[in-house]
Amino acid sequence: MSTEQIDTYLTQNRRNAESLLAAFRASSDTTYLKEAEEKFPNDPRVAYAAIFKCDSPEERNQWLERLKQSDPGNALPNYFAALDALKSGQMDRAVQEITAASGKQQFQDYSMDFLQNAEDAYRSAGYSDADAKSIAATELLLPDLKELRDLGRQMVSLANSYRQSGDSASADAALQMNIALGQRFGGYPGEPLVDRLVGIAIEHDALATMDPTTPYGTSGQTVQDRLNQLNSTRESLKSLAQQETGLFQRMTDQDVASFWDRWRTFGYEPTMRWALGKYGNQSVNQ
């Protein structure tokens, strides 16, 4: 999008929080983010975006606190705060933050809001419905994934430290928290494939440090059974992703738009199998 197209879109939307964030994400121009921060400091989506563009740890902590206050049921800022605490050696605070996160059901990175706003922006610039949906989805920024992946690794290191000091209970608790973090990603409607793969990696790292013969859950599985299941799921997802190559070029504009609508409604795997059933390998299970 050109500067003129962005300005038109902002004017049409009265430079509200949604349009300013869409402009920032489409252009990477932090001027739009700064305007959103000044005008809408209590909007959780603004706070989320600001967390990753801070000039200092103090500023980042301020935006983390704003996100906690503006969206108190969201576990995500607690996970971010836990990572910051681990990096600064504040182990007790880190555990407190993760414990707080574990007690919250919501796990919200506002991707669907950002996606819809981006679609609207590209439509306003004259893109077709199919192109607007495709560009918005394929260019969706997911800055939280790297931090959550880092948190998973830090938690495994923390568990190892506890175990080396003879505190097996704390080690097991840290690993269980890490497993719970990985399972926050579950192939839900609208969840990008990379989210699911990151969740699998986080859970896999935790389980890989445990005795493989240990019971897992209440279904009679062992830790090794769960590891095998995760490996199988990961390979299946990667196989589906490989079949994306050239897929959209064979699809009608109507079906491209339908693909992204189905992804939001049903999730990645069912949507890919639908698309492959029409345009790809007919041997893929429906």
Protein backbone atom coordinates (compact mmCIF):
# COMPACT_ATOMS: atom_id res chain seq x y z
CA MET A 1 0.00 0.00 0.00
CA SER A 2 1.23 3.48 -0.87
CA THR A 3 1.30 6.33 1.63
CA GLU A 4 -1.63 7.91 -0.22
CA GLN A 5 -3.67 4.70 0.03
CA ILE A 6 -2.91 4.41 3.75
CA ASP A 7 -3.88 8.04 4.34
CA THR A 8 -7.18 7.52 2.54
CA TYR A 9 -7.91 4.43 4.61
CA LEU A 10 -7.09 6.27 7.84
CA THR A 11 -9.35 9.16 6.90
CA GLN A 12 -12.20 6.81 6.05
CA ASN A 13 -11.85 5.22 9.50
CA ARG A 14 -11.26 8.49 11.41
CA ARG A 15 -7.81 7.32 12.44
CA ASN A 16 -9.25 4.93 15.01
CA ALA A 17 -7.13 2.35 16.83
CA GLU A 18 -7.88 -0.40 14.34
CA SER A 19 -6.90 1.64 11.29
CA LEU A 20 -3.73 3.04 12.87
CA LEU A 21 -2.56 -0.44 13.80
CA ALA A 22 -3.36 -1.72 10.31
CA ALA A 23 -1.35 1.17 8.83
CA PHE A 24 1.56 0.41 11.13
CA ARG A 25 1.55 -3.28 10.26
CA ALA A 26 1.19 -2.66 6.52
CA SER A 27 3.99 -0.08 6.38
CA SER A 28 6.22 -0.84 9.41
CA ASP A 29 6.12 2.90 10.04
CA THR A 30 6.17 3.31 13.81
CA THR A 31 4.70 6.81 13.47
CA TYR A 32 1.28 5.20 13.16
CA LEU A 33 1.91 3.05 16.24
CA LYS A 34 3.02 6.07 18.27
CA GLU A 35 -0.17 7.89 17.31
CA ALA A 36 -2.22 4.88 18.40
CA GLU A 37 -0.32 4.74 21.70
CA GLU A 38 -1.05 8.42 22.39
CA LYS A 39 -4.72 8.30 21.41
CA PHE A 40 -5.70 4.82 22.62
CA PRO A 41 -3.33 3.81 25.46
CA ASN A 42 -5.93 1.55 27.08
CA ASP A 43 -6.74 -0.49 23.97
CA PRO A 44 -5.30 -4.00 24.51
CA ARG A 45 -4.41 -4.35 20.82
CA VAL A 46 -2.37 -1.15 21.01
CA ALA A 47 -0.63 -2.35 24.16
CA TYR A 48 0.12 -5.70 22.51
CA ALA A 49 1.71 -3.99 19.49
CA ALA A 50 3.65 -1.55 21.67
CA ILE A 51 5.24 -4.33 23.74
CA PHE A 52 7.37 -5.39 20.78
CA LYS A 53 8.48 -1.86 19.80
CA CYS A 54 9.67 -0.51 23.13
CA ASP A 55 12.88 1.48 23.54
CA SER A 56 13.64 0.22 27.05
CA PRO A 57 12.77 -2.58 29.50
CA GLU A 58 10.94 -0.02 31.65
CA GLU A 59 8.71 1.05 28.76
CA ARG A 60 8.05 -2.58 27.85
CA ASN A 61 7.02 -3.32 31.44
CA GLN A 62 4.64 -0.34 31.39
CA TRP A 63 2.90 -1.68 28.28
CA LEU A 64 2.78 -5.18 29.75
CA GLU A 65 0.99 -3.76 32.78
CA ARG A 66 -1.40 -1.84 30.51
CA LEU A 67 -2.21 -5.05 28.64
CA LYS A 68 -2.82 -6.89 31.91
CA GLN A 69 -5.18 -4.13 33.05
CA SER A 70 -7.02 -3.66 29.75
CA ASP A 71 -7.48 -7.41 29.16
CA PRO A 72 -7.22 -9.03 32.62
CA GLY A 73 -8.38 -12.46 31.46
CA ASN A 74 -5.61 -12.79 28.87
CA ALA A 75 -2.69 -15.06 29.82
CA LEU A 76 -0.33 -13.70 27.16
CA PRO A 77 1.11 -10.68 29.05
CA ASN A 78 1.85 -12.93 32.03
CA TYR A 79 3.85 -15.23 29.78
CA PHE A 80 5.79 -12.26 28.39
CA ALA A 81 6.46 -11.00 31.91
CA ALA A 82 7.65 -14.47 32.92
CA LEU A 83 10.17 -14.48 30.08
CA ASP A 84 11.47 -11.07 31.12
CA ALA A 85 11.79 -12.29 34.70
CA LEU A 86 13.69 -15.41 33.67
CA LYS A 87 16.09 -13.40 31.54
CA SER A 88 16.83 -11.11 34.49
CA GLY A 89 17.27 -14.01 36.92
CA GLN A 90 14.05 -13.39 38.87
CA MET A 91 13.01 -17.03 39.11
CA ASP A 92 10.35 -16.61 41.79
CA ARG A 93 8.65 -13.81 39.88
CA ALA A 94 8.76 -15.88 36.70
CA VAL A 95 7.01 -18.78 38.40
CA GLN A 96 4.40 -16.38 39.81
CA GLU A 97 3.69 -14.98 36.36
CA ILE A 98 3.40 -18.42 34.76
CA THR A 99 1.16 -19.61 37.58
CA ALA A 100 -1.05 -16.56 36.97
CA ALA A 101 -1.09 -17.33 33.24
CA SER A 102 -2.03 -20.94 33.90
CA GLY A 103 -5.13 -19.77 35.73
CA LYS A 104 -6.42 -17.77 32.76
CA GLN A 105 -8.37 -19.45 29.99
CA GLN A 106 -7.94 -16.72 27.40
CA PHE A 107 -4.83 -16.79 25.19
CA GLN A 108 -5.28 -13.84 22.87
CA ASP A 109 -2.82 -12.25 20.44
CA TYR A 110 -5.58 -10.32 18.61
CA SER A 111 -4.59 -11.87 15.29
CA MET A 112 -8.14 -12.07 14.03
CA ASP A 113 -8.66 -8.36 14.72
CA PHE A 114 -5.40 -7.48 12.96
CA LEU A 115 -6.32 -9.78 10.07
CA GLN A 116 -9.75 -8.22 9.56
CA ASN A 117 -8.33 -4.70 9.74
CA ALA A 118 -5.66 -5.56 7.17
CA GLU A 119 -8.29 -7.01 4.84
CA ASP A 120 -10.31 -3.81 5.11
CA ALA A 121 -7.22 -1.73 4.41
CA TYR A 122 -6.30 -3.64 1.27
CA ARG A 123 -9.89 -3.57 0.01
CA SER A 124 -9.94 0.20 0.48
CA ALA A 125 -6.80 0.35 -1.67
CA GLY A 126 -8.62 -1.40 -4.51
CA TYR A 127 -7.54 -5.00 -4.05
CA SER A 128 -10.04 -7.75 -4.83
CA ASP A 129 -11.64 -9.66 -1.99
CA ALA A 130 -9.50 -12.72 -2.70
CA ASP A 131 -6.27 -10.70 -2.85
CA ALA A 132 -7.11 -8.67 0.25
CA LYS A 133 -7.74 -11.86 2.25
CA SER A 134 -4.60 -13.57 0.91
CA ILE A 135 -2.27 -10.65 1.52
CA ALA A 136 -3.66 -10.04 5.00
CA ALA A 137 -3.27 -13.71 5.96
CA THR A 138 0.16 -14.35 4.46
CA GLU A 139 1.64 -11.12 5.84
CA LEU A 140 0.12 -11.48 9.31
CA LEU A 141 2.73 -10.50 11.91
CA LEU A 142 3.14 -12.90 14.85
CA PRO A 143 5.82 -11.33 17.08
CA ASP A 144 4.70 -13.25 20.17
CA LEU A 145 5.76 -16.63 18.77
CA LYS A 146 9.49 -16.05 19.16
CA GLU A 147 9.03 -14.92 22.76
CA LEU A 148 6.84 -17.89 23.64
CA ARG A 149 9.35 -20.26 22.02
CA ASP A 150 12.12 -18.63 24.05
CA LEU A 151 10.00 -18.95 27.20
CA GLY A 152 9.58 -22.65 26.54
CA ARG A 153 13.34 -23.13 26.32
CA GLN A 154 13.91 -21.05 29.44
CA MET A 155 11.38 -23.14 31.36
CA VAL A 156 13.16 -26.36 30.39
CA SER A 157 16.43 -24.84 31.62
CA LEU A 158 14.73 -23.82 34.86
CA ALA A 159 13.42 -27.36 35.35
CA ASN A 160 16.91 -28.75 34.78
CA SER A 161 18.29 -26.33 37.38
CA TYR A 162 15.70 -27.44 39.91
CA ARG A 163 16.47 -31.09 39.23
CA GLN A 164 20.22 -30.58 39.60
CA SER A 165 19.64 -28.95 42.97
CA GLY A 166 17.55 -31.94 44.08
CA ASP A 167 14.17 -30.20 43.87
CA SER A 168 12.30 -32.73 41.73
CA ALA A 169 8.86 -31.38 42.65
CA SER A 170 9.67 -27.89 41.35
CA ALA A 171 11.28 -29.39 38.23
CA ASP A 172 8.16 -31.41 37.47
CA ALA A 173 5.94 -28.38 38.10
CA ALA A 174 7.99 -26.24 35.70
CA LEU A 175 7.73 -28.90 32.99
CA GLN A 176 4.00 -29.25 33.48
CA MET A 177 3.61 -25.48 33.09
CA ASN A 178 5.62 -25.69 29.89
CA ILE A 179 3.47 -28.52 28.57
CA ALA A 180 0.38 -26.45 29.33
CA LEU A 181 1.89 -23.53 27.40
CA GLY A 182 2.51 -25.74 24.37
CA GLN A 183 -1.03 -27.03 24.48
CA ARG A 184 -2.40 -23.48 24.29
CA PHE A 185 -1.89 -23.95 20.56
CA GLY A 186 -4.35 -26.55 19.34
CA GLY A 187 -5.13 -26.08 15.66
CA TYR A 188 -8.05 -23.82 16.43
CA PRO A 189 -10.05 -21.97 13.76
CA GLY A 190 -8.00 -19.08 12.43
CA GLU A 191 -4.78 -20.31 14.04
CA PRO A 192 -1.82 -20.03 11.65
CA LEU A 193 0.09 -23.24 10.95
CA VAL A 194 3.27 -21.84 12.46
CA ASP A 195 1.46 -21.31 15.78
CA ARG A 196 0.60 -25.00 15.92
CA LEU A 197 4.16 -26.03 15.11
CA VAL A 198 5.55 -23.75 17.82
CA GLY A 199 3.13 -25.25 20.34
CA ILE A 200 4.22 -28.76 19.39
CA ALA A 201 7.89 -27.77 19.74
CA ILE A 202 7.34 -26.28 23.21
CA GLU A 203 5.53 -29.35 24.50
CA HIS A 204 8.02 -31.69 22.82
CA ASP A 205 11.00 -29.99 24.48
CA ALA A 206 9.44 -30.42 27.92
CA LEU A 207 8.49 -34.05 27.40
CA ALA A 208 11.91 -34.92 25.97
CA THR A 209 13.51 -34.23 29.37
CA MET A 210 11.16 -36.62 31.18
CA ASP A 211 11.33 -40.37 31.72
CA PRO A 212 9.66 -41.78 28.57
CA THR A 213 7.95 -44.53 30.57
CA THR A 214 6.22 -42.07 32.91
CA PRO A 215 2.41 -42.07 32.60
CA TYR A 216 1.03 -39.14 30.64
CA GLY A 217 -2.47 -37.91 31.42
CA THR A 218 -5.30 -40.24 32.37
CA SER A 219 -5.76 -42.14 29.11
CA GLY A 220 -3.10 -44.77 29.74
CA GLN A 221 -0.51 -43.06 27.55
CA THR A 222 3.14 -42.75 28.47
CA VAL A 223 5.38 -39.75 27.86
CA GLN A 224 6.86 -41.65 24.89
CA ASP A 225 3.38 -42.25 23.47
CA ARG A 226 2.70 -38.54 23.60
CA LEU A 227 6.05 -37.75 21.98
CA ASN A 228 5.23 -40.17 19.17
CA GLN A 229 1.83 -38.52 18.75
CA LEU A 230 3.39 -35.05 18.55
CA ASN A 231 5.96 -36.23 16.01
CA SER A 232 3.22 -37.75 13.87
CA THR A 233 1.11 -34.59 14.01
CA ARG A 234 4.09 -32.42 13.10
CA GLU A 235 4.96 -34.57 10.08
CA SER A 236 1.34 -34.59 8.93
CA LEU A 237 1.16 -30.80 9.14
CA LYS A 238 4.43 -30.38 7.29
CA SER A 239 3.18 -32.73 4.56
CA LEU A 240 0.05 -30.63 4.15
CA ALA A 241 2.09 -27.42 4.06
CA GLN A 242 4.34 -28.80 1.31
CA GLN A 243 1.27 -29.34 -0.84
CA GLU A 244 0.43 -25.63 -0.63
CA THR A 245 3.07 -24.92 -3.29
CA GLY A 246 1.28 -23.71 -6.39
CA LEU A 247 -2.13 -24.51 -4.90
CA PHE A 248 -3.50 -20.99 -4.90
CA GLN A 249 -2.45 -20.42 -8.50
CA ARG A 250 -4.80 -23.24 -9.51
CA MET A 251 -7.74 -21.93 -7.49
CA THR A 252 -10.47 -19.55 -8.63
CA ASP A 253 -10.64 -16.16 -6.90
CA GLN A 254 -13.90 -17.26 -5.30
CA ASP A 255 -12.28 -20.37 -3.83
CA VAL A 256 -9.24 -18.41 -2.64
CA ALA A 257 -11.57 -16.14 -0.69
CA SER A 258 -13.49 -19.19 0.52
CA PHE A 259 -10.22 -20.82 1.64
CA TRP A 260 -9.46 -18.01 4.07
CA ASP A 261 -13.07 -17.90 5.31
CA ARG A 262 -12.98 -21.67 5.92
CA TRP A 263 -9.63 -21.35 7.71
CA ARG A 264 -11.20 -18.93 10.16
CA THR A 265 -14.21 -21.18 10.68
CA PHE A 266 -12.75 -24.69 10.64
CA GLY A 267 -8.96 -24.37 11.05
CA TYR A 268 -5.96 -25.10 8.86
CA GLU A 269 -6.12 -28.88 8.43
CA PRO A 270 -9.78 -29.20 7.36
CA THR A 271 -9.38 -26.21 5.06
CA MET A 272 -6.28 -27.60 3.39
CA ARG A 273 -7.97 -30.96 2.87
CA TRP A 274 -10.95 -29.19 1.30
CA ALA A 275 -8.67 -27.27 -1.06
CA LEU A 276 -6.59 -30.30 -1.96
CA GLY A 277 -9.76 -32.27 -2.59
CA LYS A 278 -10.67 -29.76 -5.31
CA TYR A 279 -7.29 -28.72 -6.67
CA GLY A 280 -4.58 -31.02 -5.37
CA ASN A 281 -3.78 -34.64 -4.68
CA GLN A 282 -7.07 -36.53 -4.74
CA SER A 283 -5.60 -39.24 -2.51
CA VAL A 284 -5.56 -36.90 0.50
CA ASN A 285 -8.15 -37.97 3.05
CA GLN A 286 -11.28 -35.87 2.99
